[in-house]
Amino acid sequence: KRELLLEKFNRFGKDRQVAEAIRSLNVKYV
């Protein structure tokens, strides 16, 4: 999940996998 965010975090508005990783880890800031 963290590797996915490193590679694609800036696509959280389009990529559902990235969005789900953010929700599951409770990432609120960058």
PDB file of all heavy atoms in Angstrom:
ATOM      1  N   LYS A   1       0.828  -1.211   0.000  1.00  0.00           N
ATOM      2  CA  LYS A   1       0.000   0.000   0.000  1.00  0.00           C
ATOM      3  C   LYS A   1       0.859   1.256   0.000  1.00  0.00           C
ATOM      4  O   LYS A   1       0.563   2.230  -0.691  1.00  0.00           O
ATOM      5  CB  LYS A   1      -0.925   0.010   1.212  1.00  0.00           C
ATOM      6  CG  LYS A   1      -2.068  -0.984   1.153  1.00  0.00           C
ATOM      7  CD  LYS A   1      -2.944  -0.840   2.379  1.00  0.00           C
ATOM      8  CE  LYS A   1      -4.094  -1.861   2.343  1.00  0.00           C
ATOM      9  NZ  LYS A   1      -4.965  -1.741   3.541  1.00  0.00           N
ATOM     10  N   ARG A   2       1.916   1.231   0.748  1.00  0.00           N
ATOM     11  CA  ARG A   2       2.776   2.407   0.862  1.00  0.00           C
ATOM     12  C   ARG A   2       3.594   2.607  -0.409  1.00  0.00           C
ATOM     13  O   ARG A   2       3.847   3.747  -0.820  1.00  0.00           O
ATOM     14  CB  ARG A   2       3.652   2.266   2.110  1.00  0.00           C
ATOM     15  CG  ARG A   2       2.805   2.210   3.382  1.00  0.00           C
ATOM     16  CD  ARG A   2       3.562   1.771   4.616  1.00  0.00           C
ATOM     17  NE  ARG A   2       2.630   1.343   5.647  1.00  0.00           N
ATOM     18  CZ  ARG A   2       2.293   2.055   6.730  1.00  0.00           C
ATOM     19  NH1 ARG A   2       2.837   3.229   6.945  1.00  0.00           N
ATOM     20  NH2 ARG A   2       1.428   1.577   7.605  1.00  0.00           N
ATOM     21  N   GLU A   3       3.998   1.509  -1.021  1.00  0.00           N
ATOM     22  CA  GLU A   3       4.714   1.614  -2.289  1.00  0.00           C
ATOM     23  C   GLU A   3       3.791   2.183  -3.362  1.00  0.00           C
ATOM     24  O   GLU A   3       4.216   3.006  -4.192  1.00  0.00           O
ATOM     25  CB  GLU A   3       5.233   0.240  -2.713  1.00  0.00           C
ATOM     26  CG  GLU A   3       6.154   0.267  -3.917  1.00  0.00           C
ATOM     27  CD  GLU A   3       7.464   0.983  -3.646  1.00  0.00           C
ATOM     28  OE1 GLU A   3       7.944   0.955  -2.493  1.00  0.00           O
ATOM     29  OE2 GLU A   3       8.004   1.599  -4.596  1.00  0.00           O
ATOM     30  N   LEU A   4       2.536   1.776  -3.347  1.00  0.00           N
ATOM     31  CA  LEU A   4       1.549   2.318  -4.289  1.00  0.00           C
ATOM     32  C   LEU A   4       1.413   3.825  -4.114  1.00  0.00           C
ATOM     33  O   LEU A   4       1.360   4.580  -5.104  1.00  0.00           O
ATOM     34  CB  LEU A   4       0.195   1.637  -4.071  1.00  0.00           C
ATOM     35  CG  LEU A   4      -0.977   2.168  -4.909  1.00  0.00           C
ATOM     36  CD1 LEU A   4      -0.753   1.869  -6.385  1.00  0.00           C
ATOM     37  CD2 LEU A   4      -2.302   1.559  -4.431  1.00  0.00           C
ATOM     38  N   LEU A   5       1.357   4.283  -2.866  1.00  0.00           N
ATOM     39  CA  LEU A   5       1.243   5.718  -2.619  1.00  0.00           C
ATOM     40  C   LEU A   5       2.491   6.465  -3.085  1.00  0.00           C
ATOM     41  O   LEU A   5       2.392   7.581  -3.615  1.00  0.00           O
ATOM     42  CB  LEU A   5       0.994   5.979  -1.140  1.00  0.00           C
ATOM     43  CG  LEU A   5      -0.356   5.500  -0.589  1.00  0.00           C
ATOM     44  CD1 LEU A   5      -0.464   5.807   0.902  1.00  0.00           C
ATOM     45  CD2 LEU A   5      -1.515   6.143  -1.346  1.00  0.00           C
ATOM     46  N   LEU A   6       3.653   5.877  -2.885  1.00  0.00           N
ATOM     47  CA  LEU A   6       4.878   6.522  -3.366  1.00  0.00           C
ATOM     48  C   LEU A   6       4.863   6.679  -4.880  1.00  0.00           C
ATOM     49  O   LEU A   6       5.335   7.682  -5.412  1.00  0.00           O
ATOM     50  CB  LEU A   6       6.101   5.701  -2.937  1.00  0.00           C
ATOM     51  CG  LEU A   6       6.486   5.759  -1.458  1.00  0.00           C
ATOM     52  CD1 LEU A   6       7.514   4.687  -1.136  1.00  0.00           C
ATOM     53  CD2 LEU A   6       7.035   7.141  -1.092  1.00  0.00           C
ATOM     54  N   GLU A   7       4.307   5.715  -5.554  1.00  0.00           N
ATOM     55  CA  GLU A   7       4.306   5.747  -7.020  1.00  0.00           C
ATOM     56  C   GLU A   7       3.168   6.590  -7.592  1.00  0.00           C
ATOM     57  O   GLU A   7       3.344   7.241  -8.632  1.00  0.00           O
ATOM     58  CB  GLU A   7       4.198   4.318  -7.558  1.00  0.00           C
ATOM     59  CG  GLU A   7       5.404   3.442  -7.238  1.00  0.00           C
ATOM     60  CD  GLU A   7       5.202   2.005  -7.671  1.00  0.00           C
ATOM     61  OE1 GLU A   7       4.108   1.687  -8.203  1.00  0.00           O
ATOM     62  OE2 GLU A   7       6.124   1.198  -7.487  1.00  0.00           O
ATOM     63  N   LYS A   8       2.012   6.619  -6.903  1.00  0.00           N
ATOM     64  CA  LYS A   8       0.827   7.211  -7.548  1.00  0.00           C
ATOM     65  C   LYS A   8       0.011   8.115  -6.629  1.00  0.00           C
ATOM     66  O   LYS A   8      -1.147   8.419  -6.944  1.00  0.00           O
ATOM     67  CB  LYS A   8      -0.081   6.084  -8.073  1.00  0.00           C
ATOM     68  CG  LYS A   8       0.569   5.188  -9.102  1.00  0.00           C
ATOM     69  CD  LYS A   8      -0.409   4.111  -9.586  1.00  0.00           C
ATOM     70  CE  LYS A   8       0.216   3.214 -10.651  1.00  0.00           C
ATOM     71  NZ  LYS A   8      -0.732   2.195 -11.136  1.00  0.00           N
ATOM     72  N   PHE A   9       0.558   8.561  -5.507  1.00  0.00           N
ATOM     73  CA  PHE A   9      -0.230   9.357  -4.569  1.00  0.00           C
ATOM     74  C   PHE A   9      -0.917  10.535  -5.250  1.00  0.00           C
ATOM     75  O   PHE A   9      -2.087  10.839  -4.975  1.00  0.00           O
ATOM     76  CB  PHE A   9       0.655   9.872  -3.437  1.00  0.00           C
ATOM     77  CG  PHE A   9      -0.037  10.856  -2.538  1.00  0.00           C
ATOM     78  CD1 PHE A   9      -0.864  10.427  -1.518  1.00  0.00           C
ATOM     79  CD2 PHE A   9       0.116  12.230  -2.730  1.00  0.00           C
ATOM     80  CE1 PHE A   9      -1.523  11.327  -0.704  1.00  0.00           C
ATOM     81  CE2 PHE A   9      -0.542  13.136  -1.922  1.00  0.00           C
ATOM     82  CZ  PHE A   9      -1.365  12.692  -0.897  1.00  0.00           C
ATOM     83  N   ASN A  10      -0.226  11.237  -6.137  1.00  0.00           N
ATOM     84  CA  ASN A  10      -0.795  12.440  -6.768  1.00  0.00           C
ATOM     85  C   ASN A  10      -1.939  12.132  -7.732  1.00  0.00           C
ATOM     86  O   ASN A  10      -2.479  13.051  -8.362  1.00  0.00           O
ATOM     87  CB  ASN A  10       0.291  13.246  -7.478  1.00  0.00           C
ATOM     88  CG  ASN A  10       1.142  12.395  -8.399  1.00  0.00           C
ATOM     89  OD1 ASN A  10       0.772  11.283  -8.766  1.00  0.00           O
ATOM     90  ND2 ASN A  10       2.303  12.922  -8.771  1.00  0.00           N
ATOM     91  N   ARG A  11      -2.350  10.874  -7.822  1.00  0.00           N
ATOM     92  CA  ARG A  11      -3.488  10.490  -8.671  1.00  0.00           C
ATOM     93  C   ARG A  11      -4.664  10.017  -7.825  1.00  0.00           C
ATOM     94  O   ARG A  11      -5.549   9.307  -8.312  1.00  0.00           O
ATOM     95  CB  ARG A  11      -3.052   9.384  -9.637  1.00  0.00           C
ATOM     96  CG  ARG A  11      -1.928   9.804 -10.580  1.00  0.00           C
ATOM     97  CD  ARG A  11      -1.453   8.663 -11.452  1.00  0.00           C
ATOM     98  NE  ARG A  11      -2.525   8.091 -12.238  1.00  0.00           N
ATOM     99  CZ  ARG A  11      -2.412   7.005 -13.002  1.00  0.00           C
ATOM    100  NH1 ARG A  11      -1.243   6.359 -13.057  1.00  0.00           N
ATOM    101  NH2 ARG A  11      -3.439   6.539 -13.689  1.00  0.00           N
ATOM    102  N   PHE A  12      -4.709  10.427  -6.549  1.00  0.00           N
ATOM    103  CA  PHE A  12      -5.741   9.911  -5.651  1.00  0.00           C
ATOM    104  C   PHE A  12      -7.145  10.294  -6.078  1.00  0.00           C
ATOM    105  O   PHE A  12      -8.118   9.667  -5.678  1.00  0.00           O
ATOM    106  CB  PHE A  12      -5.488  10.331  -4.202  1.00  0.00           C
ATOM    107  CG  PHE A  12      -5.520  11.810  -3.950  1.00  0.00           C
ATOM    108  CD1 PHE A  12      -6.704  12.528  -3.920  1.00  0.00           C
ATOM    109  CD2 PHE A  12      -4.333  12.505  -3.696  1.00  0.00           C
ATOM    110  CE1 PHE A  12      -6.727  13.891  -3.667  1.00  0.00           C
ATOM    111  CE2 PHE A  12      -4.345  13.866  -3.440  1.00  0.00           C
ATOM    112  CZ  PHE A  12      -5.541  14.570  -3.435  1.00  0.00           C
ATOM    113  N   GLY A  13      -7.263  11.341  -6.889  1.00  0.00           N
ATOM    114  CA  GLY A  13      -8.590  11.741  -7.350  1.00  0.00           C
ATOM    115  C   GLY A  13      -9.096  10.901  -8.499  1.00  0.00           C
ATOM    116  O   GLY A  13     -10.295  10.950  -8.820  1.00  0.00           O
ATOM    117  N   LYS A  14      -8.229  10.093  -9.104  1.00  0.00           N
ATOM    118  CA  LYS A  14      -8.610   9.296 -10.274  1.00  0.00           C
ATOM    119  C   LYS A  14      -8.423   7.798 -10.058  1.00  0.00           C
ATOM    120  O   LYS A  14      -9.116   6.996 -10.693  1.00  0.00           O
ATOM    121  CB  LYS A  14      -7.777   9.729 -11.485  1.00  0.00           C
ATOM    122  CG  LYS A  14      -7.902  11.210 -11.827  1.00  0.00           C
ATOM    123  CD  LYS A  14      -6.958  11.583 -12.958  1.00  0.00           C
ATOM    124  CE  LYS A  14      -7.025  13.076 -13.275  1.00  0.00           C
ATOM    125  NZ  LYS A  14      -6.079  13.452 -14.358  1.00  0.00           N
ATOM    126  N   ASP A  15      -7.494   7.424  -9.223  1.00  0.00           N
ATOM    127  CA  ASP A  15      -7.148   6.019  -9.042  1.00  0.00           C
ATOM    128  C   ASP A  15      -7.798   5.486  -7.763  1.00  0.00           C
ATOM    129  O   ASP A  15      -7.480   5.925  -6.659  1.00  0.00           O
ATOM    130  CB  ASP A  15      -5.619   5.876  -8.959  1.00  0.00           C
ATOM    131  CG  ASP A  15      -5.154   4.436  -9.038  1.00  0.00           C
ATOM    132  OD1 ASP A  15      -5.714   3.590  -8.312  1.00  0.00           O
ATOM    133  OD2 ASP A  15      -4.206   4.157  -9.800  1.00  0.00           O
ATOM    134  N   ARG A  16      -8.724   4.533  -7.919  1.00  0.00           N
ATOM    135  CA  ARG A  16      -9.455   4.014  -6.765  1.00  0.00           C
ATOM    136  C   ARG A  16      -8.548   3.254  -5.793  1.00  0.00           C
ATOM    137  O   ARG A  16      -8.766   3.293  -4.582  1.00  0.00           O
ATOM    138  CB  ARG A  16     -10.586   3.094  -7.247  1.00  0.00           C
ATOM    139  CG  ARG A  16     -11.703   3.836  -7.973  1.00  0.00           C
ATOM    140  CD  ARG A  16     -12.823   2.881  -8.325  1.00  0.00           C
ATOM    141  NE  ARG A  16     -13.925   3.584  -8.987  1.00  0.00           N
ATOM    142  CZ  ARG A  16     -15.055   2.983  -9.394  1.00  0.00           C
ATOM    143  NH1 ARG A  16     -15.194   1.672  -9.215  1.00  0.00           N
ATOM    144  NH2 ARG A  16     -15.998   3.681  -9.981  1.00  0.00           N
ATOM    145  N   GLN A  17      -7.554   2.553  -6.327  1.00  0.00           N
ATOM    146  CA  GLN A  17      -6.638   1.826  -5.449  1.00  0.00           C
ATOM    147  C   GLN A  17      -5.856   2.783  -4.546  1.00  0.00           C
ATOM    148  O   GLN A  17      -5.663   2.526  -3.359  1.00  0.00           O
ATOM    149  CB  GLN A  17      -5.671   0.984  -6.276  1.00  0.00           C
ATOM    150  CG  GLN A  17      -6.276  -0.278  -6.863  1.00  0.00           C
ATOM    151  CD  GLN A  17      -5.223  -1.128  -7.531  1.00  0.00           C
ATOM    152  OE1 GLN A  17      -4.422  -0.636  -8.331  1.00  0.00           O
ATOM    153  NE2 GLN A  17      -5.225  -2.415  -7.230  1.00  0.00           N
ATOM    154  N   VAL A  18      -5.424   3.897  -5.126  1.00  0.00           N
ATOM    155  CA  VAL A  18      -4.706   4.897  -4.342  1.00  0.00           C
ATOM    156  C   VAL A  18      -5.628   5.484  -3.282  1.00  0.00           C
ATOM    157  O   VAL A  18      -5.240   5.637  -2.113  1.00  0.00           O
ATOM    158  CB  VAL A  18      -4.146   6.002  -5.255  1.00  0.00           C
ATOM    159  CG1 VAL A  18      -3.517   7.116  -4.421  1.00  0.00           C
ATOM    160  CG2 VAL A  18      -3.128   5.437  -6.233  1.00  0.00           C
ATOM    161  N   ALA A  19      -6.854   5.806  -3.679  1.00  0.00           N
ATOM    162  CA  ALA A  19      -7.809   6.370  -2.732  1.00  0.00           C
ATOM    163  C   ALA A  19      -8.100   5.398  -1.593  1.00  0.00           C
ATOM    164  O   ALA A  19      -8.182   5.790  -0.422  1.00  0.00           O
ATOM    165  CB  ALA A  19      -9.102   6.740  -3.463  1.00  0.00           C
ATOM    166  N   GLU A  20      -8.258   4.116  -1.921  1.00  0.00           N
ATOM    167  CA  GLU A  20      -8.526   3.121  -0.892  1.00  0.00           C
ATOM    168  C   GLU A  20      -7.343   2.978   0.066  1.00  0.00           C
ATOM    169  O   GLU A  20      -7.517   2.811   1.278  1.00  0.00           O
ATOM    170  CB  GLU A  20      -8.834   1.774  -1.545  1.00  0.00           C
ATOM    171  CG  GLU A  20      -9.078   0.643  -0.561  1.00  0.00           C
ATOM    172  CD  GLU A  20     -10.184   0.951   0.453  1.00  0.00           C
ATOM    173  OE1 GLU A  20     -11.127   1.689   0.106  1.00  0.00           O
ATOM    174  OE2 GLU A  20     -10.064   0.468   1.611  1.00  0.00           O
ATOM    175  N   ALA A  21      -6.116   3.052  -0.452  1.00  0.00           N
ATOM    176  CA  ALA A  21      -4.931   2.984   0.404  1.00  0.00           C
ATOM    177  C   ALA A  21      -4.889   4.167   1.363  1.00  0.00           C
ATOM    178  O   ALA A  21      -4.548   4.017   2.547  1.00  0.00           O
ATOM    179  CB  ALA A  21      -3.670   2.942  -0.448  1.00  0.00           C
ATOM    180  N   ILE A  22      -5.251   5.336   0.887  1.00  0.00           N
ATOM    181  CA  ILE A  22      -5.276   6.532   1.740  1.00  0.00           C
ATOM    182  C   ILE A  22      -6.300   6.364   2.852  1.00  0.00           C
ATOM    183  O   ILE A  22      -6.039   6.682   4.026  1.00  0.00           O
ATOM    184  CB  ILE A  22      -5.568   7.782   0.892  1.00  0.00           C
ATOM    185  CG1 ILE A  22      -4.367   8.105   0.004  1.00  0.00           C
ATOM    186  CG2 ILE A  22      -5.911   8.979   1.778  1.00  0.00           C
ATOM    187  CD1 ILE A  22      -4.613   9.226  -0.981  1.00  0.00           C
ATOM    188  N   ARG A  23      -7.504   5.855   2.492  1.00  0.00           N
ATOM    189  CA  ARG A  23      -8.545   5.664   3.502  1.00  0.00           C
ATOM    190  C   ARG A  23      -8.139   4.610   4.538  1.00  0.00           C
ATOM    191  O   ARG A  23      -8.307   4.807   5.744  1.00  0.00           O
ATOM    192  CB  ARG A  23      -9.849   5.251   2.814  1.00  0.00           C
ATOM    193  CG  ARG A  23     -10.496   6.337   1.961  1.00  0.00           C
ATOM    194  CD  ARG A  23     -11.886   5.902   1.516  1.00  0.00           C
ATOM    195  NE  ARG A  23     -12.500   6.860   0.610  1.00  0.00           N
ATOM    196  CZ  ARG A  23     -12.504   6.742  -0.723  1.00  0.00           C
ATOM    197  NH1 ARG A  23     -11.906   5.697  -1.302  1.00  0.00           N
ATOM    198  NH2 ARG A  23     -13.081   7.653  -1.471  1.00  0.00           N
ATOM    199  N   SER A  24      -7.600   3.488   4.079  1.00  0.00           N
ATOM    200  CA  SER A  24      -7.288   2.388   4.991  1.00  0.00           C
ATOM    201  C   SER A  24      -6.160   2.745   5.955  1.00  0.00           C
ATOM    202  O   SER A  24      -6.139   2.271   7.098  1.00  0.00           O
ATOM    203  CB  SER A  24      -6.920   1.137   4.199  1.00  0.00           C
ATOM    204  OG  SER A  24      -5.733   1.339   3.452  1.00  0.00           O
ATOM    205  N   LEU A  25      -5.229   3.579   5.503  1.00  0.00           N
ATOM    206  CA  LEU A  25      -4.122   3.991   6.367  1.00  0.00           C
ATOM    207  C   LEU A  25      -4.438   5.257   7.160  1.00  0.00           C
ATOM    208  O   LEU A  25      -3.632   5.672   7.990  1.00  0.00           O
ATOM    209  CB  LEU A  25      -2.857   4.218   5.526  1.00  0.00           C
ATOM    210  CG  LEU A  25      -2.242   2.978   4.860  1.00  0.00           C
ATOM    211  CD1 LEU A  25      -1.092   3.381   3.934  1.00  0.00           C
ATOM    212  CD2 LEU A  25      -1.756   1.990   5.899  1.00  0.00           C
ATOM    213  N   ASN A  26      -5.595   5.876   6.876  1.00  0.00           N
ATOM    214  CA  ASN A  26      -5.995   7.129   7.521  1.00  0.00           C
ATOM    215  C   ASN A  26      -4.973   8.238   7.270  1.00  0.00           C
ATOM    216  O   ASN A  26      -4.541   8.953   8.171  1.00  0.00           O
ATOM    217  CB  ASN A  26      -6.185   6.944   9.031  1.00  0.00           C
ATOM    218  CG  ASN A  26      -6.966   8.088   9.659  1.00  0.00           C
ATOM    219  OD1 ASN A  26      -7.861   8.667   9.024  1.00  0.00           O
ATOM    220  ND2 ASN A  26      -6.632   8.442  10.882  1.00  0.00           N
ATOM    221  N   VAL A  27      -4.588   8.395   6.014  1.00  0.00           N
ATOM    222  CA  VAL A  27      -3.653   9.442   5.610  1.00  0.00           C
ATOM    223  C   VAL A  27      -4.441  10.729   5.415  1.00  0.00           C
ATOM    224  O   VAL A  27      -5.301  10.807   4.534  1.00  0.00           O
ATOM    225  CB  VAL A  27      -2.903   9.059   4.317  1.00  0.00           C
ATOM    226  CG1 VAL A  27      -1.923  10.163   3.925  1.00  0.00           C
ATOM    227  CG2 VAL A  27      -2.175   7.741   4.496  1.00  0.00           C
ATOM    228  N   LYS A  28      -4.159  11.742   6.208  1.00  0.00           N
ATOM    229  CA  LYS A  28      -4.903  12.998   6.144  1.00  0.00           C
ATOM    230  C   LYS A  28      -4.069  14.154   5.598  1.00  0.00           C
ATOM    231  O   LYS A  28      -4.620  15.186   5.212  1.00  0.00           O
ATOM    232  CB  LYS A  28      -5.405  13.364   7.542  1.00  0.00           C
ATOM    233  CG  LYS A  28      -6.439  12.401   8.102  1.00  0.00           C
ATOM    234  CD  LYS A  28      -7.712  12.409   7.272  1.00  0.00           C
ATOM    235  CE  LYS A  28      -8.793  11.526   7.856  1.00  0.00           C
ATOM    236  NZ  LYS A  28      -9.385  12.061   9.091  1.00  0.00           N
ATOM    237  N   TYR A  29      -2.741  13.995   5.567  1.00  0.00           N
ATOM    238  CA  TYR A  29      -1.860  15.074   5.120  1.00  0.00           C
ATOM    239  C   TYR A  29      -0.747  14.483   4.256  1.00  0.00           C
ATOM    240  O   TYR A  29      -0.505  13.261   4.254  1.00  0.00           O
ATOM    241  CB  TYR A  29      -1.234  15.808   6.312  1.00  0.00           C
ATOM    242  CG  TYR A  29      -2.228  16.574   7.163  1.00  0.00           C
ATOM    243  CD1 TYR A  29      -2.968  15.926   8.162  1.00  0.00           C
ATOM    244  CD2 TYR A  29      -2.426  17.939   6.966  1.00  0.00           C
ATOM    245  CE1 TYR A  29      -3.875  16.619   8.941  1.00  0.00           C
ATOM    246  CE2 TYR A  29      -3.333  18.650   7.742  1.00  0.00           C
ATOM    247  CZ  TYR A  29      -4.057  17.983   8.720  1.00  0.00           C
ATOM    248  OH  TYR A  29      -4.964  18.685   9.486  1.00  0.00           O
ATOM    249  N   VAL A  30      -0.048  15.355   3.560  1.00  0.00           N
ATOM    250  CA  VAL A  30       1.141  14.971   2.809  1.00  0.00           C
ATOM    251  C   VAL A  30       2.185  16.062   3.015  1.00  0.00           C
ATOM    252  O   VAL A  30       1.860  17.251   3.063  1.00  0.00           O
ATOM    253  CB  VAL A  30       0.836  14.758   1.310  1.00  0.00           C
ATOM    254  CG1 VAL A  30       0.231  16.009   0.676  1.00  0.00           C
ATOM    255  CG2 VAL A  30       2.108  14.354   0.558  1.00  0.00           C
TER     256      VAL A  30
END
